[in-house]
Amino acid sequence: MKETEVSYVSERIGNWETGMNKFFTLWNEWVASYEMKYVEGDRRPDGVSKNVVAETPRAVNTLATTITRMQTANDPPFELRQKPGSNISEQQIYDMETHVSNILSEIQFKRHLLKGNRGACLFGTQVWEKPYISRPDGFEGTAFKPLYLLQCAFDP
């Protein structure tokens, strides 16, 4: 790599870290609140408490569970239909629906959806990854996994 490319990348990383510093501080505070950990740190202004209470995890889990149940209320969350004029039998449509349902079970769709909804309820946003997976047992497909916000770079 050329020296100019290295300095450009280093400068962009430095700018990102500086711009995201406030977010990282809040992120750590929200995580500690969700995990109900008391963290020694900066003194709070008078009248602002830093008690460890169960309201944050209770609120996050309630919202995330409610949202997930609304998203998956129709289980399976899809319905395959025959195009007019096509020669697909009802049994073939049923077999395709079963195959798609099995894929959703294999990639643990509901578990990852709930986990991501918790992140969205706690932090206000969520980034999803859809990696292609291939396992030794022969299963291949696109997964659906939430990413931690600290794994993603944002342009401040």
Protein backbone atom coordinates (compact mmCIF):
# COMPACT_ATOMS: atom_id res chain seq x y z
CA MET A 1 0.00 0.00 0.00
CA LYS A 2 1.09 3.50 -0.64
CA GLU A 3 1.75 5.87 2.22
CA THR A 4 -1.14 8.14 1.13
CA GLU A 5 -3.62 5.24 1.24
CA VAL A 6 -2.48 4.21 4.71
CA SER A 7 -2.74 7.77 6.03
CA TYR A 8 -6.18 8.19 4.42
CA VAL A 9 -7.51 5.02 6.04
CA SER A 10 -5.92 5.90 9.40
CA GLU A 11 -7.46 9.38 9.28
CA ARG A 12 -10.92 7.97 8.45
CA ILE A 13 -10.69 5.47 11.33
CA GLY A 14 -9.61 8.24 13.73
CA ASN A 15 -12.47 10.48 12.60
CA TRP A 16 -14.93 7.62 13.02
CA GLU A 17 -13.70 6.78 16.53
CA THR A 18 -13.81 10.45 17.57
CA GLY A 19 -17.29 10.95 16.13
CA MET A 20 -18.64 7.75 17.66
CA ASN A 21 -17.12 8.26 21.14
CA LYS A 22 -20.37 9.60 22.61
CA PHE A 23 -22.29 6.67 21.11
CA PHE A 24 -19.84 4.14 22.55
CA THR A 25 -20.20 5.71 25.99
CA LEU A 26 -24.00 5.56 25.81
CA TRP A 27 -23.87 2.06 24.35
CA ASN A 28 -21.83 0.81 27.29
CA GLU A 29 -24.21 2.51 29.73
CA TRP A 30 -27.29 0.99 28.08
CA VAL A 31 -25.71 -2.47 28.07
CA ALA A 32 -24.77 -2.17 31.75
CA SER A 33 -28.33 -1.04 32.52
CA TYR A 34 -29.81 -3.95 30.55
CA GLU A 35 -27.51 -6.45 32.28
CA MET A 36 -28.22 -4.74 35.64
CA LYS A 37 -24.53 -4.17 36.38
CA TYR A 38 -23.46 -1.28 38.56
CA VAL A 39 -20.54 0.50 36.93
CA GLU A 40 -18.32 2.91 38.81
CA GLY A 41 -17.81 5.95 36.65
CA ASP A 42 -18.42 9.62 36.18
CA ARG A 43 -20.37 11.41 38.86
CA ARG A 44 -23.95 12.15 37.93
CA PRO A 45 -25.48 15.61 38.24
CA ASP A 46 -27.41 16.25 41.44
CA GLY A 47 -30.82 14.62 41.34
CA VAL A 48 -29.91 12.04 38.69
CA SER A 49 -29.76 8.53 40.09
CA LYS A 50 -27.62 5.70 38.86
CA ASN A 51 -29.36 2.89 40.69
CA VAL A 52 -29.48 -0.57 39.17
CA VAL A 53 -33.14 -1.40 38.57
CA ALA A 54 -34.91 -4.07 36.58
CA GLU A 55 -37.01 -1.65 34.52
CA THR A 56 -34.67 -1.55 31.53
CA PRO A 57 -34.48 -5.32 30.89
CA ARG A 58 -38.18 -5.73 31.70
CA ALA A 59 -39.18 -2.99 29.23
CA VAL A 60 -36.78 -4.20 26.52
CA ASN A 61 -37.85 -7.83 26.83
CA THR A 62 -41.56 -6.95 26.89
CA LEU A 63 -41.30 -4.76 23.79
CA ALA A 64 -39.08 -7.22 21.93
CA THR A 65 -41.30 -10.18 22.73
CA THR A 66 -44.44 -8.29 21.72
CA ILE A 67 -42.90 -7.12 18.44
CA THR A 68 -41.60 -10.61 17.65
CA ARG A 69 -44.97 -12.20 18.35
CA MET A 70 -46.68 -9.66 16.10
CA GLN A 71 -44.13 -10.36 13.35
CA THR A 72 -44.61 -14.12 13.62
CA ALA A 73 -48.32 -14.25 14.49
CA ASN A 74 -49.10 -16.01 11.21
CA ASP A 75 -46.95 -19.06 11.49
CA PRO A 76 -45.60 -19.73 8.92
CA PRO A 77 -45.28 -16.03 8.01
CA PHE A 78 -45.94 -16.75 4.34
CA GLU A 79 -48.35 -18.61 2.09
CA LEU A 80 -47.43 -20.09 -1.27
CA ARG A 81 -50.09 -19.83 -3.93
CA GLN A 82 -50.49 -21.27 -7.36
CA LYS A 83 -50.31 -18.95 -10.34
CA PRO A 84 -53.45 -19.02 -12.47
CA GLY A 85 -52.89 -21.41 -15.35
CA SER A 86 -49.95 -23.28 -13.81
CA ASN A 87 -49.97 -27.03 -13.36
CA ILE A 88 -48.66 -27.25 -9.80
CA SER A 89 -50.53 -29.63 -7.56
CA GLU A 90 -51.65 -28.83 -4.02
CA GLN A 91 -49.24 -31.49 -2.73
CA GLN A 92 -46.28 -29.77 -4.45
CA ILE A 93 -47.27 -26.42 -2.94
CA TYR A 94 -47.57 -28.03 0.49
CA ASP A 95 -44.15 -29.68 0.07
CA MET A 96 -42.58 -26.32 -0.89
CA GLU A 97 -44.12 -24.60 2.15
CA THR A 98 -42.82 -27.39 4.37
CA HIS A 99 -39.34 -27.01 2.85
CA VAL A 100 -39.29 -23.25 3.49
CA SER A 101 -40.55 -23.78 7.06
CA ASN A 102 -37.77 -26.31 7.65
CA ILE A 103 -35.20 -23.80 6.38
CA LEU A 104 -36.53 -21.17 8.82
CA SER A 105 -36.19 -23.71 11.64
CA GLU A 106 -32.66 -24.68 10.56
CA ILE A 107 -31.41 -21.08 10.54
CA GLN A 108 -33.20 -20.41 13.88
CA PHE A 109 -35.11 -17.51 12.37
CA LYS A 110 -37.35 -16.81 15.38
CA ARG A 111 -34.47 -16.89 17.89
CA HIS A 112 -32.39 -14.46 15.82
CA LEU A 113 -35.43 -12.26 15.18
CA LEU A 114 -36.11 -11.97 18.93
CA LYS A 115 -32.44 -11.27 19.63
CA GLY A 116 -32.36 -8.54 16.99
CA ASN A 117 -35.61 -7.04 18.24
CA ARG A 118 -34.08 -6.80 21.72
CA GLY A 119 -31.18 -4.85 20.23
CA ALA A 120 -33.56 -2.58 18.33
CA CYS A 121 -35.64 -1.91 21.46
CA LEU A 122 -32.57 -1.19 23.59
CA PHE A 123 -30.48 0.85 21.14
CA GLY A 124 -33.11 2.13 18.73
CA THR A 125 -31.55 0.48 15.68
CA GLN A 126 -30.39 -2.92 14.51
CA VAL A 127 -28.13 -4.15 11.74
CA TRP A 128 -28.88 -7.55 10.20
CA GLU A 129 -26.49 -9.86 8.40
CA LYS A 130 -27.67 -12.37 5.83
CA PRO A 131 -24.68 -14.69 5.36
CA TYR A 132 -24.75 -17.72 3.12
CA ILE A 133 -24.14 -20.83 5.21
CA SER A 134 -23.13 -24.32 4.17
CA ARG A 135 -22.96 -27.00 6.84
CA PRO A 136 -21.38 -30.47 6.76
CA ASP A 137 -24.81 -32.09 7.15
CA GLY A 138 -25.73 -30.81 3.68
CA PHE A 139 -27.83 -27.79 4.68
CA GLU A 140 -27.20 -24.69 2.59
CA GLY A 141 -29.06 -21.42 2.80
CA THR A 142 -29.09 -17.76 3.69
CA ALA A 143 -29.06 -17.12 7.42
CA PHE A 144 -30.59 -14.16 9.23
CA LYS A 145 -28.47 -12.89 12.12
CA PRO A 146 -28.36 -9.63 14.05
CA LEU A 147 -24.98 -7.91 14.34
CA TYR A 148 -23.78 -6.02 17.37
CA LEU A 149 -23.63 -2.32 16.64
CA LEU A 150 -20.00 -2.23 17.74
CA GLN A 151 -19.16 -4.53 14.82
CA CYS A 152 -20.46 -1.99 12.30
CA ALA A 153 -18.85 1.27 11.32
CA PHE A 154 -21.08 4.28 10.81
CA ASP A 155 -20.08 7.57 9.25
CA PRO A 156 -20.71 10.13 12.00
